[in-house]
C-alpha atoms as a PDB file:
ATOM      1  CA  MET A   1     -13.342   6.120  27.862  1.00  0.00           C
ATOM      2  CA  VAL A   2     -12.985   8.475  24.914  1.00  0.00           C
ATOM      3  CA  PRO A   3     -12.391  12.044  26.140  1.00  0.00           C
ATOM      4  CA  GLU A   4     -15.219  14.343  25.162  1.00  0.00           C
ATOM      5  CA  GLU A   5     -12.887  16.422  23.009  1.00  0.00           C
ATOM      6  CA  SER A   6     -11.989  13.301  20.975  1.00  0.00           C
ATOM      7  CA  SER A   7     -15.588  12.233  20.306  1.00  0.00           C
ATOM      8  CA  ARG A   8     -15.797  14.432  17.219  1.00  0.00           C
ATOM      9  CA  HIS A   9     -12.670  12.845  15.783  1.00  0.00           C
ATOM     10  CA  LEU A  10     -14.067   9.409  16.472  1.00  0.00           C
ATOM     11  CA  CYS A  11     -17.326  10.262  14.716  1.00  0.00           C
ATOM     12  CA  GLU A  12     -15.417  11.618  11.738  1.00  0.00           C
ATOM     13  CA  LEU A  13     -13.216   8.520  11.569  1.00  0.00           C
ATOM     14  CA  LEU A  14     -16.182   6.150  11.706  1.00  0.00           C
ATOM     15  CA  SER A  15     -18.073   8.183   9.109  1.00  0.00           C
ATOM     16  CA  LEU A  16     -15.044   8.264   6.807  1.00  0.00           C
ATOM     17  CA  LEU A  17     -14.558   4.505   7.033  1.00  0.00           C
ATOM     18  CA  ASP A  18     -18.243   3.568   6.744  1.00  0.00           C
ATOM     19  CA  SER A  19     -18.948   5.759   3.713  1.00  0.00           C
ATOM     20  CA  SER A  20     -15.693   4.898   1.958  1.00  0.00           C
ATOM     21  CA  LEU A  21     -15.958   1.150   2.519  1.00  0.00           C
ATOM     22  CA  SER A  22     -19.514   1.117   1.208  1.00  0.00           C
ATOM     23  CA  GLU A  23     -18.391   2.866  -1.967  1.00  0.00           C
ATOM     24  CA  TRP A  24     -15.195   0.862  -2.417  1.00  0.00           C
ATOM     25  CA  GLU A  25     -16.692  -2.552  -1.769  1.00  0.00           C
ATOM     26  CA  GLY A  26     -19.538  -1.790  -4.158  1.00  0.00           C
ATOM     27  CA  ALA A  27     -17.071  -0.868  -6.865  1.00  0.00           C
ATOM     28  CA  VAL A  28     -14.859  -3.942  -6.524  1.00  0.00           C
ATOM     29  CA  SER A  29     -17.469  -6.622  -5.776  1.00  0.00           C
ATOM     30  CA  ASP A  30     -20.303  -5.718  -8.148  1.00  0.00           C
ATOM     31  CA  PRO A  31     -19.712  -7.296 -11.596  1.00  0.00           C
ATOM     32  CA  LYS A  32     -22.025  -4.695 -13.128  1.00  0.00           C
ATOM     33  CA  ALA A  33     -19.728  -1.932 -11.876  1.00  0.00           C
ATOM     34  CA  GLY A  34     -17.112  -3.234 -14.268  1.00  0.00           C
ATOM     35  CA  LEU A  35     -14.100  -1.900 -12.359  1.00  0.00           C
ATOM     36  CA  TRP A  36     -11.897  -4.881 -13.190  1.00  0.00           C
ATOM     37  CA  MET A  37     -13.051  -5.138 -16.814  1.00  0.00           C
ATOM     38  CA  VAL A  38     -10.116  -3.941 -18.932  1.00  0.00           C
ATOM     39  CA  GLN A  39     -11.519  -2.636 -22.186  1.00  0.00           C
ATOM     40  CA  GLU A  40      -9.869  -3.423 -25.496  1.00  0.00           C
ATOM     41  CA  GLY A  41      -7.885  -0.438 -26.734  1.00  0.00           C
ATOM     42  CA  SER A  42      -7.485   1.059 -23.272  1.00  0.00           C
ATOM     43  CA  GLN A  43      -4.171   2.148 -21.771  1.00  0.00           C
ATOM     44  CA  LEU A  44      -4.165  -0.786 -19.367  1.00  0.00           C
ATOM     45  CA  ALA A  45      -4.938  -3.289 -22.129  1.00  0.00           C
ATOM     46  CA  ASP A  46      -1.972  -1.965 -24.091  1.00  0.00           C
ATOM     47  CA  ASP A  47       0.311  -2.229 -21.045  1.00  0.00           C
ATOM     48  CA  ASP A  48      -0.824  -5.825 -20.448  1.00  0.00           C
ATOM     49  CA  ARG A  49      -0.218  -6.694 -24.090  1.00  0.00           C
ATOM     50  CA  ARG A  50       3.311  -5.276 -23.984  1.00  0.00           C
ATOM     51  CA  ILE A  51       4.304  -6.944 -20.727  1.00  0.00           C
ATOM     52  CA  GLY A  52       2.519 -10.277 -21.211  1.00  0.00           C
ATOM     53  CA  SER A  53      -0.054 -12.114 -19.098  1.00  0.00           C
ATOM     54  CA  ARG A  54       2.515 -13.487 -16.614  1.00  0.00           C
ATOM     55  CA  TYR A  55       3.200  -9.988 -15.270  1.00  0.00           C
ATOM     56  CA  ALA A  56      -0.076  -8.284 -16.203  1.00  0.00           C
ATOM     57  CA  LEU A  57      -0.048  -4.777 -14.817  1.00  0.00           C
ATOM     58  CA  SER A  58      -3.834  -4.752 -14.447  1.00  0.00           C
ATOM     59  CA  ALA A  59      -3.795  -7.768 -12.120  1.00  0.00           C
ATOM     60  CA  GLN A  60      -1.072  -6.350  -9.879  1.00  0.00           C
ATOM     61  CA  ALA A  61      -2.786  -2.970  -9.580  1.00  0.00           C
ATOM     62  CA  ALA A  62      -6.052  -4.739  -8.739  1.00  0.00           C
ATOM     63  CA  LEU A  63      -4.263  -6.668  -5.973  1.00  0.00           C
ATOM     64  CA  GLY A  64      -2.991  -3.436  -4.440  1.00  0.00           C
ATOM     65  CA  ILE A  65      -6.446  -1.859  -4.470  1.00  0.00           C
ATOM     66  CA  SER A  66      -8.119  -4.971  -3.061  1.00  0.00           C
ATOM     67  CA  ALA A  67      -5.543  -5.330  -0.277  1.00  0.00           C
ATOM     68  CA  GLY A  68      -5.896  -1.650   0.613  1.00  0.00           C
ATOM     69  CA  ILE A  69      -9.668  -1.877   0.878  1.00  0.00           C
ATOM     70  CA  ASP A  70      -9.470  -5.074   2.910  1.00  0.00           C
ATOM     71  CA  THR A  71      -7.121  -3.588   5.497  1.00  0.00           C
ATOM     72  CA  MET A  72      -9.230  -0.443   5.799  1.00  0.00           C
ATOM     73  CA  GLY A  73     -12.157  -2.773   6.455  1.00  0.00           C
ATOM     74  CA  CYS A  74     -10.142  -4.444   9.206  1.00  0.00           C
ATOM     75  CA  LEU A  75      -9.466  -1.011  10.702  1.00  0.00           C
ATOM     76  CA  ARG A  76     -13.189  -0.299  10.818  1.00  0.00           C
ATOM     77  CA  SER A  77     -13.937  -3.692  12.387  1.00  0.00           C
ATOM     78  CA  SER A  78     -11.323  -3.060  15.078  1.00  0.00           C
ATOM     79  CA  LEU A  79     -13.108   0.134  16.174  1.00  0.00           C
ATOM     80  CA  ASN A  80     -15.711  -1.508  18.384  1.00  0.00           C
ATOM     81  CA  VAL A  81     -17.576   1.468  19.814  1.00  0.00           C
ATOM     82  CA  THR A  82     -19.979   1.552  22.736  1.00  0.00           C
ATOM     83  CA  TRP A  83     -21.673   4.913  23.163  1.00  0.00           C
ATOM     84  CA  GLU A  84     -22.591   6.275  26.570  1.00  0.00           C
ATOM     85  CA  GLY A  85     -24.982   9.089  25.884  1.00  0.00           C
ATOM     86  CA  GLN A  86     -24.378  11.455  22.977  1.00  0.00           C
ATOM     87  CA  SER A  87     -20.967  12.770  23.935  1.00  0.00           C
ATOM     88  CA  LYS A  88     -19.039   9.865  25.461  1.00  0.00           C
ATOM     89  CA  ALA A  89     -18.004   6.540  24.078  1.00  0.00           C
ATOM     90  CA  ARG A  90     -15.806   3.574  24.801  1.00  0.00           C
ATOM     91  CA  VAL A  91     -13.717   2.404  21.890  1.00  0.00           C
ATOM     92  CA  ALA A  92     -10.887  -0.062  21.463  1.00  0.00           C
ATOM     93  CA  VAL A  93      -7.835   1.922  20.363  1.00  0.00           C
ATOM     94  CA  HIS A  94      -4.877  -0.295  19.530  1.00  0.00           C
ATOM     95  CA  ARG A  95      -1.849   1.960  19.523  1.00  0.00           C
ATOM     96  CA  TYR A  96       0.249  -0.427  17.411  1.00  0.00           C
ATOM     97  CA  GLY A  97      -2.294  -2.648  15.665  1.00  0.00           C
ATOM     98  CA  GLN A  98      -4.432   0.034  14.049  1.00  0.00           C
ATOM     99  CA  PRO A  99      -1.533   2.087  12.640  1.00  0.00           C
ATOM    100  CA  THR A 100      -0.275  -1.213  11.190  1.00  0.00           C
ATOM    101  CA  LEU A 101      -3.538  -1.519   9.266  1.00  0.00           C
ATOM    102  CA  VAL A 102      -3.328   2.082   8.033  1.00  0.00           C
ATOM    103  CA  ARG A 103       0.245   1.467   6.918  1.00  0.00           C
ATOM    104  CA  ALA A 104      -0.812  -1.638   4.944  1.00  0.00           C
ATOM    105  CA  ALA A 105      -3.734   0.178   3.323  1.00  0.00           C
ATOM    106  CA  LEU A 106      -1.610   3.180   2.392  1.00  0.00           C
ATOM    107  CA  GLU A 107       1.284   1.091   1.083  1.00  0.00           C
ATOM    108  CA  ASN A 108      -0.934  -1.091  -1.096  1.00  0.00           C
ATOM    109  CA  ALA A 109      -2.938   1.837  -2.444  1.00  0.00           C
ATOM    110  CA  ALA A 110       0.278   3.765  -3.137  1.00  0.00           C
ATOM    111  CA  THR A 111       1.672   0.777  -5.017  1.00  0.00           C
ATOM    112  CA  ALA A 112      -1.391   0.754  -7.276  1.00  0.00           C
ATOM    113  CA  VAL A 113      -1.052   4.508  -7.877  1.00  0.00           C
ATOM    114  CA  TRP A 114       2.677   4.063  -8.572  1.00  0.00           C
ATOM    115  CA  LEU A 115       1.869   1.377 -11.139  1.00  0.00           C
ATOM    116  CA  LEU A 116      -0.932   3.241 -12.898  1.00  0.00           C
ATOM    117  CA  GLY A 117       0.092   6.875 -12.466  1.00  0.00           C
ATOM    118  CA  PRO A 118       3.163   7.407 -14.693  1.00  0.00           C
ATOM    119  CA  LYS A 119       2.287   8.910 -18.067  1.00  0.00           C
ATOM    120  CA  ASP A 120       4.757   6.800 -20.037  1.00  0.00           C
ATOM    121  CA  SER A 121       3.861   3.146 -20.684  1.00  0.00           C
ATOM    122  CA  THR A 122       7.458   1.982 -20.338  1.00  0.00           C
ATOM    123  CA  ASP A 123       7.714   3.601 -16.901  1.00  0.00           C
ATOM    124  CA  ARG A 124       4.580   1.768 -15.797  1.00  0.00           C
ATOM    125  CA  ILE A 125       5.941  -1.535 -17.095  1.00  0.00           C
ATOM    126  CA  VAL A 126       9.316  -1.002 -15.409  1.00  0.00           C
ATOM    127  CA  ASN A 127       7.535  -0.398 -12.103  1.00  0.00           C
ATOM    128  CA  ARG A 128       5.503  -3.594 -12.502  1.00  0.00           C
ATOM    129  CA  LEU A 129       8.637  -5.628 -13.184  1.00  0.00           C
ATOM    130  CA  ARG A 130      10.414  -4.018 -10.225  1.00  0.00           C
ATOM    131  CA  LEU A 131       7.735  -5.545  -8.020  1.00  0.00           C
ATOM    132  CA  ALA A 132       8.206  -8.932  -9.660  1.00  0.00           C
ATOM    133  CA  TRP A 133      11.983  -8.694  -9.218  1.00  0.00           C
ATOM    134  CA  LYS A 134      11.660  -7.817  -5.527  1.00  0.00           C
ATOM    135  CA  GLU A 135       9.447 -10.822  -4.832  1.00  0.00           C
ATOM    136  CA  ILE A 136      11.831 -13.402  -6.286  1.00  0.00           C
ATOM    137  CA  HIS A 137      14.388 -13.763  -3.491  1.00  0.00           C
ATOM    138  CA  PRO A 138      11.966 -13.911  -0.533  1.00  0.00           C
ATOM    139  CA  THR A 139       9.738 -16.325  -2.462  1.00  0.00           C
ATOM    140  CA  TYR A 140      12.589 -18.726  -3.046  1.00  0.00           C
ATOM    141  CA  GLY A 141      13.743 -18.271   0.526  1.00  0.00           C
ATOM    142  CA  LEU A 142      10.295 -19.280   1.782  1.00  0.00           C
ATOM    143  CA  TYR A 143      10.043 -22.381  -0.390  1.00  0.00           C
ATOM    144  CA  ASP A 144      13.580 -23.362   0.517  1.00  0.00           C
ATOM    145  CA  ARG A 145      12.664 -23.287   4.228  1.00  0.00           C
ATOM    146  CA  LEU A 146       9.631 -25.435   3.462  1.00  0.00           C
ATOM    147  CA  GLY A 147      11.775 -27.935   1.565  1.00  0.00           C
ATOM    148  CA  VAL A 148       9.953 -27.287  -1.706  1.00  0.00           C
ATOM    149  CA  THR A 149      11.810 -27.157  -5.040  1.00  0.00           C
ATOM    150  CA  LEU A 150      10.278 -24.861  -7.636  1.00  0.00           C
ATOM    151  CA  PRO A 151      10.319 -25.728 -11.369  1.00  0.00           C
ATOM    152  CA  LYS A 152      12.631 -22.815 -12.157  1.00  0.00           C
ATOM    153  CA  THR A 153      15.711 -21.688 -10.266  1.00  0.00           C
ATOM    154  CA  GLU A 154      15.934 -18.244  -8.715  1.00  0.00           C
ATOM    155  CA  GLU A 155      18.345 -17.151 -11.426  1.00  0.00           C
ATOM    156  CA  GLU A 156      16.028 -18.423 -14.155  1.00  0.00           C
ATOM    157  CA  MET A 157      13.208 -16.373 -12.684  1.00  0.00           C
ATOM    158  CA  ARG A 158      15.400 -13.279 -12.727  1.00  0.00           C
ATOM    159  CA  GLN A 159      16.219 -13.957 -16.361  1.00  0.00           C
ATOM    160  CA  GLN A 160      12.500 -14.276 -17.082  1.00  0.00           C
ATOM    161  CA  VAL A 161      11.782 -10.847 -15.604  1.00  0.00           C
ATOM    162  CA  VAL A 162      14.612  -9.243 -17.578  1.00  0.00           C
ATOM    163  CA  GLN A 163      13.387 -10.915 -20.771  1.00  0.00           C
ATOM    164  CA  ALA A 164       9.910  -9.536 -20.101  1.00  0.00           C
ATOM    165  CA  LEU A 165      11.446  -6.080 -19.830  1.00  0.00           C
ATOM    166  CA  PHE A 166      13.277  -6.559 -23.128  1.00  0.00           C
ATOM    167  CA  ALA A 167      10.195  -7.947 -24.860  1.00  0.00           C
ATOM    168  CA  ALA A 168       8.188  -4.917 -23.719  1.00  0.00           C
ATOM    169  CA  GLY A 169      10.494  -2.755 -25.798  1.00  0.00           C
ATOM    170  CA  TRP A 170      12.997  -1.506 -23.247  1.00  0.00           C
ATOM    171  CA  CYS A 171      15.601  -3.428 -25.210  1.00  0.00           C
ATOM    172  CA  LYS A 172      15.025  -5.710 -28.182  1.00  0.00           C
ATOM    173  CA  PRO A 173      16.057  -9.290 -27.271  1.00  0.00           C
ATOM    174  CA  ASP A 174      17.970  -9.783 -30.532  1.00  0.00           C
ATOM    175  CA  ASP A 175      19.978  -6.612 -30.067  1.00  0.00           C
ATOM    176  CA  CYS A 176      20.568  -6.571 -26.310  1.00  0.00           C
ATOM    177  CA  LYS A 177      24.100  -6.685 -25.039  1.00  0.00           C
ATOM    178  CA  LYS A 178      25.673  -7.541 -21.719  1.00  0.00           C
ATOM    179  CA  THR A 179      25.663  -3.868 -20.829  1.00  0.00           C
ATOM    180  CA  ASP A 180      21.885  -3.780 -21.414  1.00  0.00           C
ATOM    181  CA  TRP A 181      21.444  -6.829 -19.186  1.00  0.00           C
ATOM    182  CA  ASN A 182      23.497  -5.291 -16.392  1.00  0.00           C
ATOM    183  CA  ALA A 183      21.646  -1.993 -16.699  1.00  0.00           C
ATOM    184  CA  ALA A 184      18.326  -3.850 -16.566  1.00  0.00           C
ATOM    185  CA  THR A 185      19.221  -5.661 -13.345  1.00  0.00           C
ATOM    186  CA  VAL A 186      20.272  -2.371 -11.737  1.00  0.00           C
ATOM    187  CA  LEU A 187      17.057  -0.706 -12.904  1.00  0.00           C
ATOM    188  CA  LEU A 188      14.829  -3.513 -11.633  1.00  0.00           C
ATOM    189  CA  GLY A 189      16.663  -3.669  -8.317  1.00  0.00           C
ATOM    190  CA  SER A 190      16.182   0.030  -7.593  1.00  0.00           C
ATOM    191  CA  PHE A 191      13.051  -0.406  -5.537  1.00  0.00           C
ATOM    192  CA  GLY A 192      11.892   0.551  -2.062  1.00  0.00           C
ATOM    193  CA  TYR A 193       8.446   1.131  -0.596  1.00  0.00           C
ATOM    194  CA  GLU A 194       9.380   4.535   0.804  1.00  0.00           C
ATOM    195  CA  LYS A 195      10.183   5.681  -2.733  1.00  0.00           C
ATOM    196  CA  VAL A 196       6.937   4.137  -3.991  1.00  0.00           C
ATOM    197  CA  VAL A 197       4.905   6.046  -1.387  1.00  0.00           C
ATOM    198  CA  GLU A 198       6.753   9.294  -2.116  1.00  0.00           C
ATOM    199  CA  GLU A 199       6.151   9.060  -5.863  1.00  0.00           C
ATOM    200  CA  ALA A 200       2.516   8.093  -5.316  1.00  0.00           C
ATOM    201  CA  GLY A 201       2.089  11.103  -3.036  1.00  0.00           C
ATOM    202  CA  GLU A 202       3.269  13.357  -5.838  1.00  0.00           C
ATOM    203  CA  ILE A 203       0.894  11.709  -8.330  1.00  0.00           C
ATOM    204  CA  VAL A 204      -2.075  12.085  -5.979  1.00  0.00           C
ATOM    205  CA  GLY A 205      -1.223  15.708  -5.219  1.00  0.00           C
ATOM    206  CA  MET A 206      -0.754  15.468  -1.460  1.00  0.00           C
ATOM    207  CA  GLY A 207       3.017  15.724  -1.852  1.00  0.00           C
ATOM    208  CA  LYS A 208       5.701  13.182  -1.100  1.00  0.00           C
ATOM    209  CA  ASP A 209       6.311  14.413   2.459  1.00  0.00           C
ATOM    210  CA  VAL A 210       2.727  13.969   3.686  1.00  0.00           C
ATOM    211  CA  ALA A 211       2.480  10.496   2.163  1.00  0.00           C
ATOM    212  CA  ALA A 212       5.913   9.341   3.319  1.00  0.00           C
ATOM    213  CA  ALA A 213       5.592  10.833   6.818  1.00  0.00           C
ATOM    214  CA  THR A 214       2.298   9.010   7.348  1.00  0.00           C
ATOM    215  CA  TRP A 215       3.735   5.759   6.021  1.00  0.00           C
ATOM    216  CA  SER A 216       6.908   6.126   8.085  1.00  0.00           C
ATOM    217  CA  ALA A 217       5.084   6.851  11.349  1.00  0.00           C
ATOM    218  CA  CYS A 218       2.682   3.942  10.889  1.00  0.00           C
ATOM    219  CA  SER A 219       5.504   1.632   9.770  1.00  0.00           C
ATOM    220  CA  GLY A 220       7.511   2.527  12.855  1.00  0.00           C
ATOM    221  CA  LEU A 221       4.600   1.657  15.109  1.00  0.00           C
ATOM    222  CA  ALA A 222       3.969  -1.538  13.140  1.00  0.00           C
ATOM    223  CA  HIS A 223       7.518  -2.608  13.988  1.00  0.00           C
ATOM    224  CA  GLY A 224       7.394  -1.384  17.576  1.00  0.00           C
ATOM    225  CA  GLN A 225      10.150   1.142  16.993  1.00  0.00           C
ATOM    226  CA  GLU A 226      11.185   3.301  19.911  1.00  0.00           C
ATOM    227  CA  SER A 227      11.424   6.448  17.786  1.00  0.00           C
ATOM    228  CA  SER A 228       7.860   6.178  16.471  1.00  0.00           C
ATOM    229  CA  THR A 229       6.546   5.175  19.893  1.00  0.00           C
ATOM    230  CA  ASN A 230       8.026   8.291  21.467  1.00  0.00           C
ATOM    231  CA  SER A 231       7.094  10.665  18.643  1.00  0.00           C
ATOM    232  CA  ALA A 232       3.630   9.460  17.611  1.00  0.00           C
ATOM    233  CA  LEU A 233       2.181   8.267  20.915  1.00  0.00           C
ATOM    234  CA  ALA A 234       1.298  10.232  24.035  1.00  0.00           C
ATOM    235  CA  ARG A 235       3.156   9.041  27.143  1.00  0.00           C
ATOM    236  CA  GLN A 236       1.908   9.232  30.687  1.00  0.00           C
ATOM    237  CA  LYS A 237       4.277   8.428  33.536  1.00  0.00           C
ATOM    238  CA  VAL A 238       2.912   5.781  35.854  1.00  0.00           C
ATOM    239  CA  ALA A 239       5.724   5.082  38.309  1.00  0.00           C
ATOM    240  CA  ASP A 240       9.471   5.144  38.886  1.00  0.00           C
ATOM    241  CA  LEU A 241      10.873   1.629  38.947  1.00  0.00           C
ATOM    242  CA  TYR A 242      14.400   2.611  39.925  1.00  0.00           C
ATOM    243  CA  PRO A 243      16.749   5.525  39.191  1.00  0.00           C
ATOM    244  CA  GLY A 244      16.677   6.342  35.487  1.00  0.00           C
ATOM    245  CA  ILE A 245      13.966   3.803  34.655  1.00  0.00           C
ATOM    246  CA  GLY A 246      10.283   4.594  34.783  1.00  0.00           C
ATOM    247  CA  LEU A 247       7.035   2.888  33.890  1.00  0.00           C
ATOM    248  CA  GLY A 248       4.855   4.717  31.379  1.00  0.00           C
ATOM    249  CA  TYR A 249       1.569   4.269  29.563  1.00  0.00           C
ATOM    250  CA  TYR A 250       1.386   5.084  25.856  1.00  0.00           C
ATOM    251  CA  SER A 251      -1.818   6.023  24.056  1.00  0.00           C
ATOM    252  CA  LEU A 252      -2.762   6.866  20.479  1.00  0.00           C
ATOM    253  CA  ASP A 253      -4.715  10.047  19.807  1.00  0.00           C
ATOM    254  CA  ILE A 254      -7.825   9.369  17.714  1.00  0.00           C
ATOM    255  CA  GLY A 255      -7.371  12.666  15.910  1.00  0.00           C
ATOM    256  CA  LEU A 256      -3.958  11.516  14.713  1.00  0.00           C
ATOM    257  CA  MET A 257      -5.375   8.215  13.503  1.00  0.00           C
ATOM    258  CA  LEU A 258      -8.106  10.140  11.690  1.00  0.00           C
ATOM    259  CA  GLY A 259      -5.453  12.132   9.850  1.00  0.00           C
ATOM    260  CA  TRP A 260      -3.591   8.983   8.849  1.00  0.00           C
ATOM    261  CA  ALA A 261      -6.812   7.324   7.693  1.00  0.00           C
ATOM    262  CA  ARG A 262      -7.597  10.356   5.518  1.00  0.00           C
ATOM    263  CA  VAL A 263      -4.246   9.989   3.775  1.00  0.00           C
ATOM    264  CA  ALA A 264      -4.895   6.294   3.104  1.00  0.00           C
ATOM    265  CA  LYS A 265      -8.414   7.053   1.857  1.00  0.00           C
ATOM    266  CA  THR A 266      -7.149   9.719  -0.529  1.00  0.00           C
ATOM    267  CA  MET A 267      -4.589   7.279  -1.917  1.00  0.00           C
ATOM    268  CA  LEU A 268      -7.183   4.527  -2.371  1.00  0.00           C
ATOM    269  CA  ASP A 269      -9.648   6.885  -4.061  1.00  0.00           C
ATOM    270  CA  LYS A 270      -6.948   7.924  -6.520  1.00  0.00           C
ATOM    271  CA  ALA A 271      -5.929   4.322  -7.173  1.00  0.00           C
ATOM    272  CA  ILE A 272      -9.507   3.361  -8.048  1.00  0.00           C
ATOM    273  CA  THR A 273      -9.943   6.421 -10.258  1.00  0.00           C
ATOM    274  CA  LEU A 274      -6.697   5.678 -12.104  1.00  0.00           C
ATOM    275  CA  TYR A 275      -7.753   2.076 -12.617  1.00  0.00           C
ATOM    276  CA  ARG A 276     -11.129   3.105 -14.034  1.00  0.00           C
ATOM    277  CA  VAL A 277      -9.563   5.562 -16.447  1.00  0.00           C
ATOM    278  CA  SER A 278      -6.688   3.269 -17.448  1.00  0.00           C
ATOM    279  CA  ALA A 279      -9.016   0.311 -18.010  1.00  0.00           C
ATOM    280  CA  GLY A 280     -11.497   2.371 -20.006  1.00  0.00           C
ATOM    281  CA  SER A 281     -14.296   1.643 -17.541  1.00  0.00           C
ATOM    282  CA  SER A 282     -14.895   5.185 -16.310  1.00  0.00           C
END
């Protein structure tokens, strides 16, 4: 049973998700909306031309936006509400599952903002290639476990990413030296999602601390961390099992989830706006 004092938060959360999803899904699924149509001469078209089709920045940003919307849709679907009168309701609150969805939505939206937000084209391209670099090792690890041999070796794929960076103008292939190659690998390897979320928070205007704190709390719950469980969830003692060990029940406050969802929504709204402007479709 949802406490009466939490009903308002529940209504706000449902309203936020319903209105946002309707707007987002209309923008990404309607061909006439033209969100994914990158116009010739636009900033995004120029970035794609510089980096090449294999690592097209537009496609990666679109993936982040689409994944963010999809996980916010899953969050809405998980909130199966049964109202009892006008002030009480029963709702399924998953103290670990739903923050996991918020974390995924926020992280994907922040990645799109991080890709599209920097003012300098080279910075945007470096960020795109950082993502490509990060995916190489786990991808090859997966295929190795499956007994599948890919056409190119892991090292060849790393060389391909560095060459894409050089071809984009970071360093001219004919003039690059070993020091440039080493510097490129260090640059591409300097990646972490916490940093991505922080930088995206600054671009959006909410600040790095709000964005990163939300991401960190939800990530902790997604991984079942003790620290996040004790700090983000309310604990009610049920019984003492034996000296020093007790049995407790943890619950997630709907108002807290509403706040997290607002952060993810703000990030997704900004990502879509940046894509429209960058693609020349606004």
